[in-house]
Each structure stands twice: as structure tokens, then as C-alpha cells.
Amino acid sequence: MFERVYRIPGQDQEGTGLGLAIAERAAAKNGATIRFATGAGGQGLAVIIDFYKENHTC
């Protein structure tokens, strides 16, 4: 899902195919994960980004 997609010039589809690859790298560098689920009511796609906070004691 996170692989870069290269489009052949002249295709009708929009986008560069880099969005999820960039998002995954940004999440990983910030200690987060990205996961996918079925959207509300079984419609569409839900994207969940989890950020984990380290436990710090003072």
C-alpha cells in the first residue's frame, strides 16, 4: 500500500502516486504508524495515524 506508484504519461488518473509513501516515511520518523480500516457504515476508507508518546517521569 505504501509503494510509490509511477504513472505513464497520458493517463487520465490524477495524482502522483507518492502520497502514502511520503506519509508513511513522515509517520515512521515521528514514531507513528498508519493503518487502514473500512470507513463508517462499511463505506469508504478510514486512515488511522497512531502517535505513541514515551513515558517520561520527572
Protein backbone atom coordinates (compact mmCIF):
# COMPACT_ATOMS: atom_id res chain seq x y z
CA MET A 1 0.00 0.00 0.00
CA PHE A 2 2.91 2.36 0.69
CA GLU A 3 4.85 1.67 -2.51
CA ARG A 4 5.40 4.56 -4.89
CA VAL A 5 3.22 4.41 -7.97
CA TYR A 6 4.59 5.66 -11.26
CA ARG A 7 2.08 6.82 -13.83
CA ILE A 8 2.55 6.56 -17.55
CA PRO A 9 2.23 9.98 -19.21
CA GLY A 10 -1.16 10.47 -20.82
CA GLN A 11 -3.21 8.54 -18.24
CA ASP A 12 -6.49 10.05 -17.12
CA GLN A 13 -5.94 9.37 -13.39
CA GLU A 14 -4.97 12.27 -11.16
CA GLY A 15 -2.19 12.34 -8.57
CA THR A 16 1.47 11.46 -8.47
CA GLY A 17 1.19 8.19 -6.55
CA LEU A 18 3.57 9.41 -3.85
CA GLY A 19 1.16 10.48 -1.09
CA LEU A 20 1.07 7.33 1.04
CA ALA A 21 4.80 6.68 0.60
CA ILE A 22 5.56 10.19 1.89
CA ALA A 23 3.02 9.89 4.73
CA GLU A 24 4.46 6.54 5.83
CA ARG A 25 8.01 7.90 5.98
CA ALA A 26 6.90 11.01 7.90
CA ALA A 27 4.97 8.85 10.37
CA ALA A 28 7.91 6.49 10.89
CA LYS A 29 10.30 9.37 11.54
CA ASN A 30 7.93 10.67 14.22
CA GLY A 31 7.25 7.38 15.97
CA ALA A 32 3.81 6.92 14.45
CA THR A 33 2.14 4.17 12.46
CA ILE A 34 -0.50 4.34 9.75
CA ARG A 35 -3.21 1.73 9.38
CA PHE A 36 -6.34 1.38 7.31
CA ALA A 37 -9.87 0.19 8.06
CA THR A 38 -13.26 0.16 6.44
CA GLY A 39 -14.98 3.52 6.76
CA ALA A 40 -18.04 4.28 8.87
CA GLY A 41 -21.07 2.23 7.93
CA GLY A 42 -18.94 -0.03 5.73
CA GLN A 43 -18.39 2.78 3.25
CA GLY A 44 -15.09 4.20 2.06
CA LEU A 45 -11.71 4.04 3.78
CA ALA A 46 -10.61 5.14 7.25
CA VAL A 47 -6.96 6.08 7.71
CA ILE A 48 -5.72 5.89 11.31
CA ILE A 49 -2.43 7.52 12.34
CA ASP A 50 -1.24 6.45 15.79
CA PHE A 51 1.36 8.57 17.59
CA TYR A 52 2.95 6.96 20.60
CA LYS A 53 4.12 9.07 23.49
CA GLU A 54 7.07 7.83 25.50
CA ASN A 55 6.54 7.57 29.23
CA HIS A 56 8.59 10.23 30.98
CA THR A 57 8.98 10.58 34.70
CA CYS A 58 10.13 13.76 36.38
